[in-house]
Structures are given as C-alpha cells and as structure tokens.
Amino acid sequence: MVDRLKGKVALITGAARGQGREMAELFMREGAKAVVSGDVLDAADTEDSKVTFVKMDVTQADRWKSVVAEHGRIDILINNARCASTNRSSRPPRSSTTACSTST
C-alpha cells in the first residue's frame, strides 16, 4: 500500500534509531508530506533518508512549538522517546515529569 499517509505531517519522538526510525521511514514511504524525528540522539545514515531529523528534548515546550511553526501543523504524533532515569528502583516514577527530567 502506498499513499495511506498522503500529505500528513508526522512527529515521531525518539526516532533517531530502532523502532522509531523504522516508523519514520515507513511513514515517508506511505506518502507523508513530512516526518520529523525528534530525538536527543544523533541519527546515523541520514543521507538517503527523506525524514527530517532534529535534535529535540521532549521536555522542552519551545522545541515542540518550533516544529509546529516550521511545518504548519502536526497530523500524527507518536511519542516513542525513552525517558531515562538514574533511579534503579523497580517502582515506577510518581509522575512523568520525574521520569523525563533532563537534569543529571
């Protein structure tokens, strides 16, 4: 199938590599107008890709706003970013703010 996402603008967080990267490449093959990979990691082998790779800390609202401003809208949002924690406890964090803190 081709063009299932024709004209759509997608933002996939955590898409510099792995599952997120595969989704981003698939979306482009399915006709998306733009797919933005927002990640704190650098993507490799980007020369042959139509995906737009941007350095993005998902906890920073201004980065979200700049992506929307650049592309006019976001039709599809996939939050694939992994929020690392230095807490090795088996208990889940109390809030997403704690889980996604960028301070070290």
PDB file of N, CA and C in Angstrom:
ATOM      1  N   MET A   1       0.847  -1.181   0.000  1.00  0.00           N
ATOM      2  CA  MET A   1       0.000   0.000   0.000  1.00  0.00           C
ATOM      3  C   MET A   1       0.887   1.237   0.000  1.00  0.00           C
ATOM      4  N   VAL A   2       0.436   2.220  -0.755  1.00  0.00           N
ATOM      5  CA  VAL A   2       1.165   3.476  -0.854  1.00  0.00           C
ATOM      6  C   VAL A   2       0.164   4.604  -0.672  1.00  0.00           C
ATOM      7  N   ASP A   3       0.648   5.707  -0.169  1.00  0.00           N
ATOM      8  CA  ASP A   3      -0.161   6.922  -0.014  1.00  0.00           C
ATOM      9  C   ASP A   3      -1.226   6.858   1.077  1.00  0.00           C
ATOM     10  N   ARG A   4      -1.113   5.941   2.015  1.00  0.00           N
ATOM     11  CA  ARG A   4      -2.074   5.921   3.122  1.00  0.00           C
ATOM     12  C   ARG A   4      -1.925   7.161   3.996  1.00  0.00           C
ATOM     13  N   LEU A   5      -0.738   7.772   3.977  1.00  0.00           N
ATOM     14  CA  LEU A   5      -0.492   8.956   4.798  1.00  0.00           C
ATOM     15  C   LEU A   5      -0.251  10.198   3.935  1.00  0.00           C
ATOM     16  N   LYS A   6      -0.750  10.180   2.724  1.00  0.00           N
ATOM     17  CA  LYS A   6      -0.503  11.252   1.765  1.00  0.00           C
ATOM     18  C   LYS A   6      -0.824  12.631   2.357  1.00  0.00           C
ATOM     19  N   GLY A   7       0.185  13.508   2.319  1.00  0.00           N
ATOM     20  CA  GLY A   7       0.017  14.881   2.770  1.00  0.00           C
ATOM     21  C   GLY A   7       0.066  15.094   4.271  1.00  0.00           C
ATOM     22  N   LYS A   8       0.196  14.045   5.051  1.00  0.00           N
ATOM     23  CA  LYS A   8       0.207  14.164   6.512  1.00  0.00           C
ATOM     24  C   LYS A   8       1.584  14.581   7.012  1.00  0.00           C
ATOM     25  N   VAL A   9       1.590  15.328   8.110  1.00  0.00           N
ATOM     26  CA  VAL A   9       2.826  15.714   8.796  1.00  0.00           C
ATOM     27  C   VAL A   9       2.876  14.933  10.097  1.00  0.00           C
ATOM     28  N   ALA A  10       3.948  14.190  10.289  1.00  0.00           N
ATOM     29  CA  ALA A  10       4.083  13.353  11.488  1.00  0.00           C
ATOM     30  C   ALA A  10       5.295  13.778  12.296  1.00  0.00           C
ATOM     31  N   LEU A  11       5.175  13.697  13.595  1.00  0.00           N
ATOM     32  CA  LEU A  11       6.303  13.888  14.505  1.00  0.00           C
ATOM     33  C   LEU A  11       6.426  12.616  15.316  1.00  0.00           C
ATOM     34  N   ILE A  12       7.580  11.979  15.227  1.00  0.00           N
ATOM     35  CA  ILE A  12       7.848  10.768  15.992  1.00  0.00           C
ATOM     36  C   ILE A  12       9.022  11.068  16.904  1.00  0.00           C
ATOM     37  N   THR A  13       8.781  11.071  18.199  1.00  0.00           N
ATOM     38  CA  THR A  13       9.871  11.308  19.132  1.00  0.00           C
ATOM     39  C   THR A  13      10.687  10.033  19.290  1.00  0.00           C
ATOM     40  N   GLY A  14      11.945  10.189  19.615  1.00  0.00           N
ATOM     41  CA  GLY A  14      12.807   9.025  19.817  1.00  0.00           C
ATOM     42  C   GLY A  14      13.022   8.230  18.549  1.00  0.00           C
ATOM     43  N   ALA A  15      13.121   8.911  17.409  1.00  0.00           N
ATOM     44  CA  ALA A  15      13.187   8.200  16.134  1.00  0.00           C
ATOM     45  C   ALA A  15      14.542   8.320  15.439  1.00  0.00           C
ATOM     46  N   ALA A  16      15.596   8.485  16.197  1.00  0.00           N
ATOM     47  CA  ALA A  16      16.930   8.524  15.592  1.00  0.00           C
ATOM     48  C   ALA A  16      17.391   7.136  15.185  1.00  0.00           C
ATOM     49  N   ARG A  17      16.862   6.133  15.845  1.00  0.00           N
ATOM     50  CA  ARG A  17      17.252   4.745  15.541  1.00  0.00           C
ATOM     51  C   ARG A  17      16.189   3.785  16.038  1.00  0.00           C
ATOM     52  N   GLY A  18      16.377   2.534  15.739  1.00  0.00           N
ATOM     53  CA  GLY A  18      15.486   1.489  16.242  1.00  0.00           C
ATOM     54  C   GLY A  18      14.073   1.571  15.698  1.00  0.00           C
ATOM     55  N   GLN A  19      13.119   1.206  16.530  1.00  0.00           N
ATOM     56  CA  GLN A  19      11.716   1.153  16.138  1.00  0.00           C
ATOM     57  C   GLN A  19      11.215   2.510  15.652  1.00  0.00           C
ATOM     58  N   GLY A  20      11.590   3.576  16.337  1.00  0.00           N
ATOM     59  CA  GLY A  20      11.164   4.914  15.939  1.00  0.00           C
ATOM     60  C   GLY A  20      11.655   5.272  14.549  1.00  0.00           C
ATOM     61  N   ARG A  21      12.901   4.959  14.255  1.00  0.00           N
ATOM     62  CA  ARG A  21      13.471   5.238  12.937  1.00  0.00           C
ATOM     63  C   ARG A  21      12.729   4.444  11.854  1.00  0.00           C
ATOM     64  N   GLU A  22      12.442   3.184  12.132  1.00  0.00           N
ATOM     65  CA  GLU A  22      11.715   2.360  11.165  1.00  0.00           C
ATOM     66  C   GLU A  22      10.322   2.932  10.891  1.00  0.00           C
ATOM     67  N   MET A  23       9.641   3.399  11.936  1.00  0.00           N
ATOM     68  CA  MET A  23       8.334   4.021  11.744  1.00  0.00           C
ATOM     69  C   MET A  23       8.449   5.263  10.867  1.00  0.00           C
ATOM     70  N   ALA A  24       9.453   6.103  11.148  1.00  0.00           N
ATOM     71  CA  ALA A  24       9.643   7.333  10.380  1.00  0.00           C
ATOM     72  C   ALA A  24       9.875   7.038   8.903  1.00  0.00           C
ATOM     73  N   GLU A  25      10.719   6.076   8.609  1.00  0.00           N
ATOM     74  CA  GLU A  25      10.998   5.712   7.214  1.00  0.00           C
ATOM     75  C   GLU A  25       9.744   5.132   6.547  1.00  0.00           C
ATOM     76  N   LEU A  26       8.989   4.312   7.266  1.00  0.00           N
ATOM     77  CA  LEU A  26       7.756   3.736   6.738  1.00  0.00           C
ATOM     78  C   LEU A  26       6.737   4.828   6.422  1.00  0.00           C
ATOM     79  N   PHE A  27       6.588   5.790   7.306  1.00  0.00           N
ATOM     80  CA  PHE A  27       5.640   6.887   7.083  1.00  0.00           C
ATOM     81  C   PHE A  27       5.979   7.640   5.805  1.00  0.00           C
ATOM     82  N   MET A  28       7.260   7.867   5.545  1.00  0.00           N
ATOM     83  CA  MET A  28       7.654   8.544   4.309  1.00  0.00           C
ATOM     84  C   MET A  28       7.295   7.688   3.095  1.00  0.00           C
ATOM     85  N   ARG A  29       7.535   6.394   3.177  1.00  0.00           N
ATOM     86  CA  ARG A  29       7.181   5.503   2.065  1.00  0.00           C
ATOM     87  C   ARG A  29       5.672   5.465   1.826  1.00  0.00           C
ATOM     88  N   GLU A  30       4.900   5.720   2.888  1.00  0.00           N
ATOM     89  CA  GLU A  30       3.437   5.716   2.777  1.00  0.00           C
ATOM     90  C   GLU A  30       2.885   7.075   2.366  1.00  0.00           C
ATOM     91  N   GLY A  31       3.759   7.996   1.945  1.00  0.00           N
ATOM     92  CA  GLY A  31       3.306   9.252   1.363  1.00  0.00           C
ATOM     93  C   GLY A  31       3.209  10.444   2.277  1.00  0.00           C
ATOM     94  N   ALA A  32       3.703  10.351   3.493  1.00  0.00           N
ATOM     95  CA  ALA A  32       3.645  11.505   4.385  1.00  0.00           C
ATOM     96  C   ALA A  32       4.382  12.689   3.767  1.00  0.00           C
ATOM     97  N   LYS A  33       3.858  13.879   3.980  1.00  0.00           N
ATOM     98  CA  LYS A  33       4.473  15.108   3.476  1.00  0.00           C
ATOM     99  C   LYS A  33       5.789  15.358   4.195  1.00  0.00           C
ATOM    100  N   ALA A  34       5.782  15.163   5.493  1.00  0.00           N
ATOM    101  CA  ALA A  34       6.990  15.346   6.293  1.00  0.00           C
ATOM    102  C   ALA A  34       6.911  14.454   7.517  1.00  0.00           C
ATOM    103  N   VAL A  35       8.037  13.890   7.860  1.00  0.00           N
ATOM    104  CA  VAL A  35       8.154  13.141   9.102  1.00  0.00           C
ATOM    105  C   VAL A  35       9.338  13.722   9.835  1.00  0.00           C
ATOM    106  N   VAL A  36       9.083  14.202  11.037  1.00  0.00           N
ATOM    107  CA  VAL A  36      10.127  14.795  11.856  1.00  0.00           C
ATOM    108  C   VAL A  36      10.503  13.808  12.937  1.00  0.00           C
ATOM    109  N   SER A  37      11.787  13.503  13.005  1.00  0.00           N
ATOM    110  CA  SER A  37      12.303  12.635  14.045  1.00  0.00           C
ATOM    111  C   SER A  37      12.888  13.520  15.129  1.00  0.00           C
ATOM    112  N   GLY A  38      12.179  13.651  16.228  1.00  0.00           N
ATOM    113  CA  GLY A  38      12.672  14.446  17.350  1.00  0.00           C
ATOM    114  C   GLY A  38      13.374  13.556  18.341  1.00  0.00           C
ATOM    115  N   ASP A  39      14.658  13.782  18.526  1.00  0.00           N
ATOM    116  CA  ASP A  39      15.442  12.903  19.392  1.00  0.00           C
ATOM    117  C   ASP A  39      16.607  13.669  19.992  1.00  0.00           C
ATOM    118  N   VAL A  40      17.045  13.254  21.163  1.00  0.00           N
ATOM    119  CA  VAL A  40      18.245  13.843  21.759  1.00  0.00           C
ATOM    120  C   VAL A  40      19.500  13.179  21.215  1.00  0.00           C
ATOM    121  N   LEU A  41      19.323  12.051  20.525  1.00  0.00           N
ATOM    122  CA  LEU A  41      20.452  11.338  19.935  1.00  0.00           C
ATOM    123  C   LEU A  41      20.650  11.772  18.488  1.00  0.00           C
ATOM    124  N   ASP A  42      21.860  11.650  17.995  1.00  0.00           N
ATOM    125  CA  ASP A  42      22.133  11.915  16.595  1.00  0.00           C
ATOM    126  C   ASP A  42      21.776  10.689  15.773  1.00  0.00           C
ATOM    127  N   ALA A  43      21.108  10.907  14.660  1.00  0.00           N
ATOM    128  CA  ALA A  43      20.748   9.809  13.765  1.00  0.00           C
ATOM    129  C   ALA A  43      21.922   9.513  12.835  1.00  0.00           C
ATOM    130  N   ALA A  44      22.091   8.262  12.506  1.00  0.00           N
ATOM    131  CA  ALA A  44      23.153   7.850  11.584  1.00  0.00           C
ATOM    132  C   ALA A  44      22.547   7.555  10.215  1.00  0.00           C
ATOM    133  N   ASP A  45      23.378   7.588   9.195  1.00  0.00           N
ATOM    134  CA  ASP A  45      22.962   7.234   7.833  1.00  0.00           C
ATOM    135  C   ASP A  45      21.734   8.013   7.377  1.00  0.00           C
ATOM    136  N   THR A  46      21.802   9.334   7.486  1.00  0.00           N
ATOM    137  CA  THR A  46      20.657  10.175   7.132  1.00  0.00           C
ATOM    138  C   THR A  46      20.699  10.675   5.688  1.00  0.00           C
ATOM    139  N   GLU A  47      21.805  10.450   4.982  1.00  0.00           N
ATOM    140  CA  GLU A  47      21.974  10.995   3.636  1.00  0.00           C
ATOM    141  C   GLU A  47      20.880  10.550   2.677  1.00  0.00           C
ATOM    142  N   ASP A  48      20.474   9.302   2.738  1.00  0.00           N
ATOM    143  CA  ASP A  48      19.493   8.755   1.809  1.00  0.00           C
ATOM    144  C   ASP A  48      18.065   8.795   2.344  1.00  0.00           C
ATOM    145  N   SER A  49      17.864   9.423   3.482  1.00  0.00           N
ATOM    146  CA  SER A  49      16.546   9.455   4.104  1.00  0.00           C
ATOM    147  C   SER A  49      15.815  10.755   3.773  1.00  0.00           C
ATOM    148  N   LYS A  50      14.500  10.664   3.625  1.00  0.00           N
ATOM    149  CA  LYS A  50      13.658  11.849   3.418  1.00  0.00           C
ATOM    150  C   LYS A  50      13.123  12.384   4.747  1.00  0.00           C
ATOM    151  N   VAL A  51      13.413  11.689   5.829  1.00  0.00           N
ATOM    152  CA  VAL A  51      12.977  12.097   7.161  1.00  0.00           C
ATOM    153  C   VAL A  51      13.769  13.335   7.583  1.00  0.00           C
ATOM    154  N   THR A  52      13.101  14.267   8.254  1.00  0.00           N
ATOM    155  CA  THR A  52      13.757  15.432   8.815  1.00  0.00           C
ATOM    156  C   THR A  52      14.180  15.091  10.241  1.00  0.00           C
ATOM    157  N   PHE A  53      15.476  15.111  10.498  1.00  0.00           N
ATOM    158  CA  PHE A  53      15.988  14.780  11.827  1.00  0.00           C
ATOM    159  C   PHE A  53      16.317  16.058  12.573  1.00  0.00           C
ATOM    160  N   VAL A  54      15.736  16.229  13.761  1.00  0.00           N
ATOM    161  CA  VAL A  54      16.001  17.402  14.583  1.00  0.00           C
ATOM    162  C   VAL A  54      16.392  16.963  15.978  1.00  0.00           C
ATOM    163  N   LYS A  55      17.306  17.696  16.569  1.00  0.00           N
ATOM    164  CA  LYS A  55      17.693  17.474  17.955  1.00  0.00           C
ATOM    165  C   LYS A  55      16.565  18.041  18.809  1.00  0.00           C
ATOM    166  N   MET A  56      15.980  17.209  19.653  1.00  0.00           N
ATOM    167  CA  MET A  56      14.795  17.646  20.397  1.00  0.00           C
ATOM    168  C   MET A  56      14.712  16.977  21.755  1.00  0.00           C
ATOM    169  N   ASP A  57      14.666  17.799  22.782  1.00  0.00           N
ATOM    170  CA  ASP A  57      14.398  17.325  24.131  1.00  0.00           C
ATOM    171  C   ASP A  57      12.894  17.449  24.333  1.00  0.00           C
ATOM    172  N   VAL A  58      12.196  16.323  24.458  1.00  0.00           N
ATOM    173  CA  VAL A  58      10.730  16.335  24.513  1.00  0.00           C
ATOM    174  C   VAL A  58      10.185  17.049  25.742  1.00  0.00           C
ATOM    175  N   THR A  59      11.017  17.351  26.713  1.00  0.00           N
ATOM    176  CA  THR A  59      10.546  18.062  27.902  1.00  0.00           C
ATOM    177  C   THR A  59      10.546  19.573  27.708  1.00  0.00           C
ATOM    178  N   GLN A  60      11.022  20.053  26.565  1.00  0.00           N
ATOM    179  CA  GLN A  60      11.124  21.487  26.297  1.00  0.00           C
ATOM    180  C   GLN A  60      10.021  21.944  25.343  1.00  0.00           C
ATOM    181  N   ALA A  61       9.050  22.678  25.869  1.00  0.00           N
ATOM    182  CA  ALA A  61       7.884  23.103  25.083  1.00  0.00           C
ATOM    183  C   ALA A  61       8.265  23.938  23.870  1.00  0.00           C
ATOM    184  N   ASP A  62       9.308  24.734  23.964  1.00  0.00           N
ATOM    185  CA  ASP A  62       9.682  25.580  22.831  1.00  0.00           C
ATOM    186  C   ASP A  62      10.105  24.767  21.610  1.00  0.00           C
ATOM    187  N   ARG A  63      10.666  23.584  21.809  1.00  0.00           N
ATOM    188  CA  ARG A  63      11.044  22.728  20.678  1.00  0.00           C
ATOM    189  C   ARG A  63       9.801  22.202  19.967  1.00  0.00           C
ATOM    190  N   TRP A  64       8.771  21.849  20.714  1.00  0.00           N
ATOM    191  CA  TRP A  64       7.513  21.412  20.108  1.00  0.00           C
ATOM    192  C   TRP A  64       6.928  22.535  19.267  1.00  0.00           C
ATOM    193  N   LYS A  65       6.929  23.740  19.836  1.00  0.00           N
ATOM    194  CA  LYS A  65       6.373  24.899  19.134  1.00  0.00           C
ATOM    195  C   LYS A  65       7.137  25.189  17.851  1.00  0.00           C
ATOM    196  N   SER A  66       8.444  25.044  17.874  1.00  0.00           N
ATOM    197  CA  SER A  66       9.236  25.332  16.675  1.00  0.00           C
ATOM    198  C   SER A  66       8.964  24.312  15.571  1.00  0.00           C
ATOM    199  N   VAL A  67       8.738  23.063  15.932  1.00  0.00           N
ATOM    200  CA  VAL A  67       8.411  22.039  14.928  1.00  0.00           C
ATOM    201  C   VAL A  67       7.065  22.358  14.287  1.00  0.00           C
ATOM    202  N   VAL A  68       6.078  22.719  15.095  1.00  0.00           N
ATOM    203  CA  VAL A  68       4.758  23.066  14.563  1.00  0.00           C
ATOM    204  C   VAL A  68       4.864  24.306  13.680  1.00  0.00           C
ATOM    205  N   ALA A  69       5.607  25.311  14.120  1.00  0.00           N
ATOM    206  CA  ALA A  69       5.766  26.537  13.338  1.00  0.00           C
ATOM    207  C   ALA A  69       6.421  26.255  11.985  1.00  0.00           C
ATOM    208  N   GLU A  70       7.405  25.376  11.968  1.00  0.00           N
ATOM    209  CA  GLU A  70       8.113  25.067  10.731  1.00  0.00           C
ATOM    210  C   GLU A  70       7.251  24.310   9.729  1.00  0.00           C
ATOM    211  N   HIS A  71       6.403  23.411  10.212  1.00  0.00           N
ATOM    212  CA  HIS A  71       5.622  22.555   9.317  1.00  0.00           C
ATOM    213  C   HIS A  71       4.146  22.940   9.235  1.00  0.00           C
ATOM    214  N   GLY A  72       3.727  23.911  10.035  1.00  0.00           N
ATOM    215  CA  GLY A  72       2.353  24.395   9.975  1.00  0.00           C
ATOM    216  C   GLY A  72       1.359  23.623  10.809  1.00  0.00           C
ATOM    217  N   ARG A  73       1.644  22.373  11.019  1.00  0.00           N
ATOM    218  CA  ARG A  73       0.725  21.533  11.794  1.00  0.00           C
ATOM    219  C   ARG A  73       1.398  20.187  12.068  1.00  0.00           C
ATOM    220  N   ILE A  74       0.779  19.412  12.959  1.00  0.00           N
ATOM    221  CA  ILE A  74       1.161  18.020  13.169  1.00  0.00           C
ATOM    222  C   ILE A  74      -0.126  17.213  13.091  1.00  0.00           C
ATOM    223  N   ASP A  75      -0.178  16.312  12.117  1.00  0.00           N
ATOM    224  CA  ASP A  75      -1.359  15.454  11.954  1.00  0.00           C
ATOM    225  C   ASP A  75      -1.237  14.166  12.762  1.00  0.00           C
ATOM    226  N   ILE A  76      -0.011  13.687  12.891  1.00  0.00           N
ATOM    227  CA  ILE A  76       0.244  12.414  13.571  1.00  0.00           C
ATOM    228  C   ILE A  76       1.356  12.635  14.580  1.00  0.00           C
ATOM    229  N   LEU A  77       1.137  12.213  15.811  1.00  0.00           N
ATOM    230  CA  LEU A  77       2.155  12.314  16.855  1.00  0.00           C
ATOM    231  C   LEU A  77       2.344  10.940  17.482  1.00  0.00           C
ATOM    232  N   ILE A  78       3.574  10.478  17.452  1.00  0.00           N
ATOM    233  CA  ILE A  78       3.914   9.220  18.121  1.00  0.00           C
ATOM    234  C   ILE A  78       5.007   9.520  19.134  1.00  0.00           C
ATOM    235  N   ASN A  79       4.699   9.291  20.381  1.00  0.00           N
ATOM    236  CA  ASN A  79       5.666   9.536  21.449  1.00  0.00           C
ATOM    237  C   ASN A  79       6.428   8.239  21.707  1.00  0.00           C
ATOM    238  N   ASN A  80       7.585   8.139  21.085  1.00  0.00           N
ATOM    239  CA  ASN A  80       8.410   6.942  21.176  1.00  0.00           C
ATOM    240  C   ASN A  80       9.669   7.202  22.008  1.00  0.00           C
ATOM    241  N   ALA A  81       9.808   8.420  22.532  1.00  0.00           N
ATOM    242  CA  ALA A  81      11.010   8.776  23.283  1.00  0.00           C
ATOM    243  C   ALA A  81      11.076   8.001  24.591  1.00  0.00           C
ATOM    244  N   ARG A  82      12.261   7.560  24.912  1.00  0.00           N
ATOM    245  CA  ARG A  82      12.508   6.872  26.182  1.00  0.00           C
ATOM    246  C   ARG A  82      13.025   7.901  27.164  1.00  0.00           C
ATOM    247  N   CYS A  83      12.415   7.965  28.299  1.00  0.00           N
ATOM    248  CA  CYS A  83      12.865   8.875  29.341  1.00  0.00           C
ATOM    249  C   CYS A  83      13.708   8.088  30.326  1.00  0.00           C
ATOM    250  N   ALA A  84      14.977   8.381  30.333  1.00  0.00           N
ATOM    251  CA  ALA A  84      15.906   7.649  31.190  1.00  0.00           C
ATOM    252  C   ALA A  84      15.809   8.124  32.628  1.00  0.00           C
ATOM    253  N   SER A  85      16.076   7.231  33.518  1.00  0.00           N
ATOM    254  CA  SER A  85      16.073   7.548  34.934  1.00  0.00           C
ATOM    255  C   SER A  85      17.316   6.946  35.572  1.00  0.00           C
ATOM    256  N   THR A  86      17.903   7.686  36.495  1.00  0.00           N
ATOM    257  CA  THR A  86      19.060   7.162  37.205  1.00  0.00           C
ATOM    258  C   THR A  86      18.625   6.349  38.421  1.00  0.00           C
ATOM    259  N   ASN A  87      17.331   6.387  38.727  1.00  0.00           N
ATOM    260  CA  ASN A  87      16.784   5.636  39.849  1.00  0.00           C
ATOM    261  C   ASN A  87      16.632   4.181  39.428  1.00  0.00           C
ATOM    262  N   ARG A  88      17.343   3.283  40.032  1.00  0.00           N
ATOM    263  CA  ARG A  88      17.305   1.863  39.659  1.00  0.00           C
ATOM    264  C   ARG A  88      16.220   1.095  40.408  1.00  0.00           C
ATOM    265  N   SER A  89      15.371   1.797  41.111  1.00  0.00           N
ATOM    266  CA  SER A  89      14.280   1.168  41.845  1.00  0.00           C
ATOM    267  C   SER A  89      13.315   0.490  40.881  1.00  0.00           C
ATOM    268  N   SER A  90      12.679  -0.563  41.310  1.00  0.00           N
ATOM    269  CA  SER A  90      11.722  -1.256  40.457  1.00  0.00           C
ATOM    270  C   SER A  90      10.369  -0.561  40.461  1.00  0.00           C
ATOM    271  N   ARG A  91      10.180   0.404  41.362  1.00  0.00           N
ATOM    272  CA  ARG A  91       8.917   1.132  41.412  1.00  0.00           C
ATOM    273  C   ARG A  91       8.849   2.144  40.280  1.00  0.00           C
ATOM    274  N   PRO A  92       7.685   2.327  39.667  1.00  0.00           N
ATOM    275  CA  PRO A  92       7.557   3.332  38.614  1.00  0.00           C
ATOM    276  C   PRO A  92       7.650   4.735  39.204  1.00  0.00           C
ATOM    277  N   PRO A  93       8.043   5.722  38.414  1.00  0.00           N
ATOM    278  CA  PRO A  93       8.129   7.086  38.917  1.00  0.00           C
ATOM    279  C   PRO A  93       6.754   7.608  39.282  1.00  0.00           C
ATOM    280  N   ARG A  94       6.717   8.617  40.161  1.00  0.00           N
ATOM    281  CA  ARG A  94       5.448   9.180  40.603  1.00  0.00           C
ATOM    282  C   ARG A  94       4.769  10.008  39.531  1.00  0.00           C
ATOM    283  N   SER A  95       5.547  10.614  38.660  1.00  0.00           N
ATOM    284  CA  SER A  95       4.942  11.441  37.605  1.00  0.00           C
ATOM    285  C   SER A  95       5.824  11.407  36.370  1.00  0.00           C
ATOM    286  N   SER A  96       5.233  11.777  35.241  1.00  0.00           N
ATOM    287  CA  SER A  96       6.003  11.805  34.008  1.00  0.00           C
ATOM    288  C   SER A  96       7.068  12.887  34.064  1.00  0.00           C
ATOM    289  N   THR A  97       6.839  13.938  34.841  1.00  0.00           N
ATOM    290  CA  THR A  97       7.853  14.984  34.980  1.00  0.00           C
ATOM    291  C   THR A  97       9.111  14.403  35.615  1.00  0.00           C
ATOM    292  N   THR A  98       8.932  13.591  36.631  1.00  0.00           N
ATOM    293  CA  THR A  98      10.078  12.948  37.263  1.00  0.00           C
ATOM    294  C   THR A  98      10.757  11.977  36.300  1.00  0.00           C
ATOM    295  N   ALA A  99       9.962  11.226  35.564  1.00  0.00           N
ATOM    296  CA  ALA A  99      10.501  10.228  34.657  1.00  0.00           C
ATOM    297  C   ALA A  99      11.289  10.859  33.509  1.00  0.00           C
ATOM    298  N   CYS A 100      10.904  12.058  33.092  1.00  0.00           N
ATOM    299  CA  CYS A 100      11.527  12.678  31.934  1.00  0.00           C
ATOM    300  C   CYS A 100      12.445  13.840  32.291  1.00  0.00           C
ATOM    301  N   SER A 101      12.813  13.953  33.537  1.00  0.00           N
ATOM    302  CA  SER A 101      13.706  15.026  33.926  1.00  0.00           C
ATOM    303  C   SER A 101      15.013  14.931  33.173  1.00  0.00           C
ATOM    304  N   THR A 102      15.490  16.072  32.673  1.00  0.00           N
ATOM    305  CA  THR A 102      16.729  16.065  31.905  1.00  0.00           C
ATOM    306  C   THR A 102      17.934  16.440  32.761  1.00  0.00           C
ATOM    307  N   SER A 103      17.699  16.754  34.007  1.00  0.00           N
ATOM    308  CA  SER A 103      18.834  17.099  34.872  1.00  0.00           C
ATOM    309  C   SER A 103      19.588  15.861  35.275  1.00  0.00           C
ATOM    310  N   THR A 104      20.888  16.021  35.500  1.00  0.00           N
ATOM    311  CA  THR A 104      21.700  14.873  35.874  1.00  0.00           C
ATOM    312  C   THR A 104      22.177  14.987  37.299  1.00  0.00           C
TER     313      THR A 104
END
